[in-house]
Amino acid sequence: MENSGGITASLQGRYASALFDLASEHGVVTAVESDLERLGDALKGTDDLAELIRNPKITREATAKAIDAVAALLGLSDLTRKFLGVLAANRRLFALPEIVRAFVAIAAAQRGEVTAEVTSAHALDGDQLAQLAAKLKAREGKEVKIKASVDPEILGGLVVRIGSRQVDGSIRTRLNSLAQAMKG
């Protein structure tokens, strides 16, 4: 498996890479990726869960029990649950959001696709997402998986991030640029 040196050089990348290798051996990469995406969404949406993985005052045993209960509630696969147990035992749950991102990046690279994080002022419909995916595929030369989010503060336009590159076509940025230019 070929991974970006930047991903596997970090602690989170090493954990993600090890999980990817195990998932590949067992033929469950897609299931584990789905598990991690559900877990990542749960972390973003639940302040108590985010606090659980970051609070050093909670014992390893209590953290392991709580994270296993969350995994059971989310219906996560056995491999993902065992992996979460290892993270809890090693007091590495704080790195879970970055591990999720690294695993998704490794899996996407293995499939020959890239993920585009697209932020818009209003939700994009299916046709708009399909057109955007086609344009990004033509630009990148790879399949593009779009992860869309909404941020009304950008006022209009799009902000597209692929890897470390970002194209900011938001009205907010254009207005800020215009304001700076007018200041002289």
C-alpha atoms as a PDB file:
ATOM      1  CA  MET A   1       0.000   0.000   0.000  1.00  0.00           C
ATOM      2  CA  GLU A   2       1.305   3.427  -0.900  1.00  0.00           C
ATOM      3  CA  ASN A   3       0.546   6.216   1.547  1.00  0.00           C
ATOM      4  CA  SER A   4       1.486   9.837   1.614  1.00  0.00           C
ATOM      5  CA  GLY A   5       4.479  10.352   3.872  1.00  0.00           C
ATOM      6  CA  GLY A   6       2.625  13.237   5.509  1.00  0.00           C
ATOM      7  CA  ILE A   7      -0.202  10.986   6.627  1.00  0.00           C
ATOM      8  CA  THR A   8       1.818   8.079   7.991  1.00  0.00           C
ATOM      9  CA  ALA A   9       4.415  10.300   9.659  1.00  0.00           C
ATOM     10  CA  SER A  10       1.957  11.460  12.313  1.00  0.00           C
ATOM     11  CA  LEU A  11       0.665   9.474  15.274  1.00  0.00           C
ATOM     12  CA  GLN A  12      -2.850   9.612  13.849  1.00  0.00           C
ATOM     13  CA  GLY A  13      -1.590   8.512  10.446  1.00  0.00           C
ATOM     14  CA  ARG A  14       0.194   5.491  11.891  1.00  0.00           C
ATOM     15  CA  TYR A  15      -2.970   4.382  13.689  1.00  0.00           C
ATOM     16  CA  ALA A  16      -5.070   4.994  10.558  1.00  0.00           C
ATOM     17  CA  SER A  17      -2.558   3.125   8.400  1.00  0.00           C
ATOM     18  CA  ALA A  18      -2.478   0.159  10.800  1.00  0.00           C
ATOM     19  CA  LEU A  19      -6.289   0.041  10.839  1.00  0.00           C
ATOM     20  CA  PHE A  20      -6.362   0.242   7.044  1.00  0.00           C
ATOM     21  CA  ASP A  21      -3.926  -2.661   6.774  1.00  0.00           C
ATOM     22  CA  LEU A  22      -6.061  -4.771   9.127  1.00  0.00           C
ATOM     23  CA  ALA A  23      -9.261  -3.838   7.308  1.00  0.00           C
ATOM     24  CA  SER A  24      -7.620  -4.736   3.972  1.00  0.00           C
ATOM     25  CA  GLU A  25      -6.504  -8.116   5.286  1.00  0.00           C
ATOM     26  CA  HIS A  26     -10.068  -8.879   6.395  1.00  0.00           C
ATOM     27  CA  GLY A  27     -11.687  -7.342   3.306  1.00  0.00           C
ATOM     28  CA  VAL A  28     -13.724  -4.829   5.299  1.00  0.00           C
ATOM     29  CA  VAL A  29     -12.239  -1.486   4.268  1.00  0.00           C
ATOM     30  CA  THR A  30     -15.597  -0.109   3.120  1.00  0.00           C
ATOM     31  CA  ALA A  31     -17.341  -1.187   6.322  1.00  0.00           C
ATOM     32  CA  VAL A  32     -14.634   0.316   8.538  1.00  0.00           C
ATOM     33  CA  GLU A  33     -14.633   3.534   6.508  1.00  0.00           C
ATOM     34  CA  SER A  34     -18.402   3.769   6.930  1.00  0.00           C
ATOM     35  CA  ASP A  35     -18.037   3.073  10.671  1.00  0.00           C
ATOM     36  CA  LEU A  36     -15.449   5.810  11.056  1.00  0.00           C
ATOM     37  CA  GLU A  37     -17.532   8.318   9.111  1.00  0.00           C
ATOM     38  CA  ARG A  38     -20.539   7.609  11.380  1.00  0.00           C
ATOM     39  CA  LEU A  39     -18.299   7.933  14.415  1.00  0.00           C
ATOM     40  CA  GLY A  40     -16.838  11.197  13.087  1.00  0.00           C
ATOM     41  CA  ASP A  41     -20.344  12.587  12.559  1.00  0.00           C
ATOM     42  CA  ALA A  42     -21.283  11.534  16.097  1.00  0.00           C
ATOM     43  CA  LEU A  43     -18.210  13.327  17.474  1.00  0.00           C
ATOM     44  CA  LYS A  44     -19.144  16.511  15.631  1.00  0.00           C
ATOM     45  CA  GLY A  45     -22.763  16.340  16.721  1.00  0.00           C
ATOM     46  CA  THR A  46     -22.396  15.318  20.364  1.00  0.00           C
ATOM     47  CA  ASP A  47     -20.535  17.545  22.792  1.00  0.00           C
ATOM     48  CA  ASP A  48     -20.568  14.840  25.509  1.00  0.00           C
ATOM     49  CA  LEU A  49     -18.850  12.348  23.209  1.00  0.00           C
ATOM     50  CA  ALA A  50     -16.274  14.937  22.166  1.00  0.00           C
ATOM     51  CA  GLU A  51     -15.631  15.662  25.859  1.00  0.00           C
ATOM     52  CA  LEU A  52     -15.315  11.936  26.632  1.00  0.00           C
ATOM     53  CA  ILE A  53     -12.450  11.410  24.200  1.00  0.00           C
ATOM     54  CA  ARG A  54     -10.569  14.499  25.408  1.00  0.00           C
ATOM     55  CA  ASN A  55     -11.027  14.336  29.174  1.00  0.00           C
ATOM     56  CA  PRO A  56      -7.879  12.967  30.864  1.00  0.00           C
ATOM     57  CA  LYS A  57      -9.671  12.691  34.230  1.00  0.00           C
ATOM     58  CA  ILE A  58     -11.799   9.770  33.020  1.00  0.00           C
ATOM     59  CA  THR A  59     -10.087   6.442  33.653  1.00  0.00           C
ATOM     60  CA  ARG A  60      -9.038   4.170  30.801  1.00  0.00           C
ATOM     61  CA  GLU A  61     -11.544   1.551  31.888  1.00  0.00           C
ATOM     62  CA  ALA A  62     -14.443   4.009  32.066  1.00  0.00           C
ATOM     63  CA  THR A  63     -13.502   5.519  28.712  1.00  0.00           C
ATOM     64  CA  ALA A  64     -13.227   2.056  27.124  1.00  0.00           C
ATOM     65  CA  LYS A  65     -16.667   1.051  28.466  1.00  0.00           C
ATOM     66  CA  ALA A  66     -18.262   4.293  27.315  1.00  0.00           C
ATOM     67  CA  ILE A  67     -16.729   4.198  23.829  1.00  0.00           C
ATOM     68  CA  ASP A  68     -17.737   0.537  23.445  1.00  0.00           C
ATOM     69  CA  ALA A  69     -21.310   1.459  24.377  1.00  0.00           C
ATOM     70  CA  VAL A  70     -21.248   4.243  21.772  1.00  0.00           C
ATOM     71  CA  ALA A  71     -19.851   1.797  19.200  1.00  0.00           C
ATOM     72  CA  ALA A  72     -22.636  -0.674  19.975  1.00  0.00           C
ATOM     73  CA  LEU A  73     -25.247   2.081  19.723  1.00  0.00           C
ATOM     74  CA  LEU A  74     -23.870   3.133  16.314  1.00  0.00           C
ATOM     75  CA  GLY A  75     -23.744  -0.504  15.150  1.00  0.00           C
ATOM     76  CA  LEU A  76     -20.016  -0.426  14.388  1.00  0.00           C
ATOM     77  CA  SER A  77     -18.230  -3.517  13.103  1.00  0.00           C
ATOM     78  CA  ASP A  78     -16.190  -5.786  15.358  1.00  0.00           C
ATOM     79  CA  LEU A  79     -12.852  -4.603  13.937  1.00  0.00           C
ATOM     80  CA  THR A  80     -13.740  -0.954  14.491  1.00  0.00           C
ATOM     81  CA  ARG A  81     -14.886  -1.678  18.050  1.00  0.00           C
ATOM     82  CA  LYS A  82     -11.643  -3.506  18.836  1.00  0.00           C
ATOM     83  CA  PHE A  83      -9.666  -0.631  17.330  1.00  0.00           C
ATOM     84  CA  LEU A  84     -11.521   1.852  19.532  1.00  0.00           C
ATOM     85  CA  GLY A  85     -10.682  -0.358  22.511  1.00  0.00           C
ATOM     86  CA  VAL A  86      -6.984  -0.164  21.620  1.00  0.00           C
ATOM     87  CA  LEU A  87      -7.209   3.625  21.336  1.00  0.00           C
ATOM     88  CA  ALA A  88      -8.923   3.803  24.734  1.00  0.00           C
ATOM     89  CA  ALA A  89      -6.350   1.492  26.348  1.00  0.00           C
ATOM     90  CA  ASN A  90      -3.498   3.588  24.924  1.00  0.00           C
ATOM     91  CA  ARG A  91      -5.216   6.880  25.835  1.00  0.00           C
ATOM     92  CA  ARG A  92      -5.286   7.928  22.184  1.00  0.00           C
ATOM     93  CA  LEU A  93      -9.005   8.588  21.738  1.00  0.00           C
ATOM     94  CA  PHE A  94      -8.250  12.319  21.646  1.00  0.00           C
ATOM     95  CA  ALA A  95      -6.740  11.715  18.186  1.00  0.00           C
ATOM     96  CA  LEU A  96      -9.872  10.019  16.834  1.00  0.00           C
ATOM     97  CA  PRO A  97     -11.089  12.891  14.584  1.00  0.00           C
ATOM     98  CA  GLU A  98      -7.689  13.057  12.881  1.00  0.00           C
ATOM     99  CA  ILE A  99      -7.492   9.254  12.628  1.00  0.00           C
ATOM    100  CA  VAL A 100     -10.884   9.244  10.899  1.00  0.00           C
ATOM    101  CA  ARG A 101      -9.711  11.871   8.387  1.00  0.00           C
ATOM    102  CA  ALA A 102      -6.435  10.018   7.773  1.00  0.00           C
ATOM    103  CA  PHE A 103      -8.191   6.656   7.267  1.00  0.00           C
ATOM    104  CA  VAL A 104     -10.665   8.171   4.806  1.00  0.00           C
ATOM    105  CA  ALA A 105      -7.774   9.797   2.911  1.00  0.00           C
ATOM    106  CA  ILE A 106      -5.812   6.522   2.765  1.00  0.00           C
ATOM    107  CA  ALA A 107      -8.870   4.556   1.604  1.00  0.00           C
ATOM    108  CA  ALA A 108      -9.693   7.171  -1.045  1.00  0.00           C
ATOM    109  CA  ALA A 109      -6.111   7.192  -2.323  1.00  0.00           C
ATOM    110  CA  GLN A 110      -6.178   3.406  -2.556  1.00  0.00           C
ATOM    111  CA  ARG A 111      -9.342   3.619  -4.662  1.00  0.00           C
ATOM    112  CA  GLY A 112      -7.800   6.342  -6.834  1.00  0.00           C
ATOM    113  CA  GLU A 113     -10.195   9.038  -5.735  1.00  0.00           C
ATOM    114  CA  VAL A 114      -9.956  12.349  -3.955  1.00  0.00           C
ATOM    115  CA  THR A 115     -12.351  13.963  -1.533  1.00  0.00           C
ATOM    116  CA  ALA A 116     -13.517  17.500  -2.110  1.00  0.00           C
ATOM    117  CA  GLU A 117     -14.881  19.354   0.894  1.00  0.00           C
ATOM    118  CA  VAL A 118     -17.403  21.776  -0.577  1.00  0.00           C
ATOM    119  CA  THR A 119     -18.922  24.566   1.490  1.00  0.00           C
ATOM    120  CA  SER A 120     -21.840  26.562   0.135  1.00  0.00           C
ATOM    121  CA  ALA A 121     -24.204  29.161   1.569  1.00  0.00           C
ATOM    122  CA  HIS A 122     -27.213  26.943   0.789  1.00  0.00           C
ATOM    123  CA  ALA A 123     -27.559  23.180   0.391  1.00  0.00           C
ATOM    124  CA  LEU A 124     -26.724  21.954  -3.111  1.00  0.00           C
ATOM    125  CA  ASP A 125     -29.196  19.654  -4.860  1.00  0.00           C
ATOM    126  CA  GLY A 126     -28.301  16.373  -6.558  1.00  0.00           C
ATOM    127  CA  ASP A 127     -27.887  17.903 -10.033  1.00  0.00           C
ATOM    128  CA  GLN A 128     -25.587  20.647  -8.740  1.00  0.00           C
ATOM    129  CA  LEU A 129     -23.469  18.107  -6.866  1.00  0.00           C
ATOM    130  CA  ALA A 130     -23.253  15.890  -9.969  1.00  0.00           C
ATOM    131  CA  GLN A 131     -22.184  18.820 -12.170  1.00  0.00           C
ATOM    132  CA  LEU A 132     -19.604  19.917  -9.613  1.00  0.00           C
ATOM    133  CA  ALA A 133     -18.264  16.357  -9.308  1.00  0.00           C
ATOM    134  CA  ALA A 134     -17.923  16.105 -13.101  1.00  0.00           C
ATOM    135  CA  LYS A 135     -16.010  19.413 -13.293  1.00  0.00           C
ATOM    136  CA  LEU A 136     -13.734  18.454 -10.415  1.00  0.00           C
ATOM    137  CA  LYS A 137     -13.108  15.025 -11.970  1.00  0.00           C
ATOM    138  CA  ALA A 138     -12.058  16.703 -15.231  1.00  0.00           C
ATOM    139  CA  ARG A 139      -9.720  19.010 -13.296  1.00  0.00           C
ATOM    140  CA  GLU A 140      -8.213  16.370 -10.992  1.00  0.00           C
ATOM    141  CA  GLY A 141      -8.173  13.406 -13.372  1.00  0.00           C
ATOM    142  CA  LYS A 142      -9.542  11.180 -10.620  1.00  0.00           C
ATOM    143  CA  GLU A 143     -12.913  10.228  -9.215  1.00  0.00           C
ATOM    144  CA  VAL A 144     -14.062  12.903  -6.787  1.00  0.00           C
ATOM    145  CA  LYS A 145     -16.131  12.214  -3.688  1.00  0.00           C
ATOM    146  CA  ILE A 146     -17.890  15.361  -2.526  1.00  0.00           C
ATOM    147  CA  LYS A 147     -18.424  16.055   1.139  1.00  0.00           C
ATOM    148  CA  ALA A 148     -20.840  18.981   1.188  1.00  0.00           C
ATOM    149  CA  SER A 149     -21.522  21.333   4.069  1.00  0.00           C
ATOM    150  CA  VAL A 150     -23.485  24.543   4.481  1.00  0.00           C
ATOM    151  CA  ASP A 151     -22.155  27.785   5.972  1.00  0.00           C
ATOM    152  CA  PRO A 152     -24.512  30.754   5.518  1.00  0.00           C
ATOM    153  CA  GLU A 153     -21.700  33.138   6.519  1.00  0.00           C
ATOM    154  CA  ILE A 154     -20.007  32.751   3.118  1.00  0.00           C
ATOM    155  CA  LEU A 155     -23.071  34.563   1.696  1.00  0.00           C
ATOM    156  CA  GLY A 156     -22.875  32.821  -1.700  1.00  0.00           C
ATOM    157  CA  GLY A 157     -20.529  30.982  -4.033  1.00  0.00           C
ATOM    158  CA  LEU A 158     -18.449  27.974  -3.038  1.00  0.00           C
ATOM    159  CA  VAL A 159     -15.347  27.102  -1.081  1.00  0.00           C
ATOM    160  CA  VAL A 160     -13.772  23.882  -2.394  1.00  0.00           C
ATOM    161  CA  ARG A 161     -10.920  22.141  -0.570  1.00  0.00           C
ATOM    162  CA  ILE A 162      -9.125  19.156  -2.066  1.00  0.00           C
ATOM    163  CA  GLY A 163      -6.257  18.007   0.096  1.00  0.00           C
ATOM    164  CA  SER A 164      -4.163  21.051   0.970  1.00  0.00           C
ATOM    165  CA  ARG A 165      -5.497  23.126  -1.937  1.00  0.00           C
ATOM    166  CA  GLN A 166      -8.436  25.442  -1.551  1.00  0.00           C
ATOM    167  CA  VAL A 167     -10.399  27.463  -4.079  1.00  0.00           C
ATOM    168  CA  ASP A 168     -12.429  30.167  -2.353  1.00  0.00           C
ATOM    169  CA  GLY A 169     -15.095  31.574  -4.648  1.00  0.00           C
ATOM    170  CA  SER A 170     -17.301  32.832  -1.821  1.00  0.00           C
ATOM    171  CA  ILE A 171     -18.930  36.222  -1.892  1.00  0.00           C
ATOM    172  CA  ARG A 172     -17.616  36.907   1.625  1.00  0.00           C
ATOM    173  CA  THR A 173     -14.018  36.558   0.410  1.00  0.00           C
ATOM    174  CA  ARG A 174     -14.683  38.708  -2.640  1.00  0.00           C
ATOM    175  CA  LEU A 175     -16.207  41.432  -0.469  1.00  0.00           C
ATOM    176  CA  ASN A 176     -13.264  41.274   1.958  1.00  0.00           C
ATOM    177  CA  SER A 177     -10.829  41.554  -0.983  1.00  0.00           C
ATOM    178  CA  LEU A 178     -12.729  44.522  -2.357  1.00  0.00           C
ATOM    179  CA  ALA A 179     -12.708  46.208   1.063  1.00  0.00           C
ATOM    180  CA  GLN A 180      -8.936  45.700   1.334  1.00  0.00           C
ATOM    181  CA  ALA A 181      -8.395  47.085  -2.173  1.00  0.00           C
ATOM    182  CA  MET A 182     -10.481  50.164  -1.370  1.00  0.00           C
ATOM    183  CA  LYS A 183      -8.415  50.864   1.766  1.00  0.00           C
ATOM    184  CA  GLY A 184      -5.404  51.234  -0.509  1.00  0.00           C
END
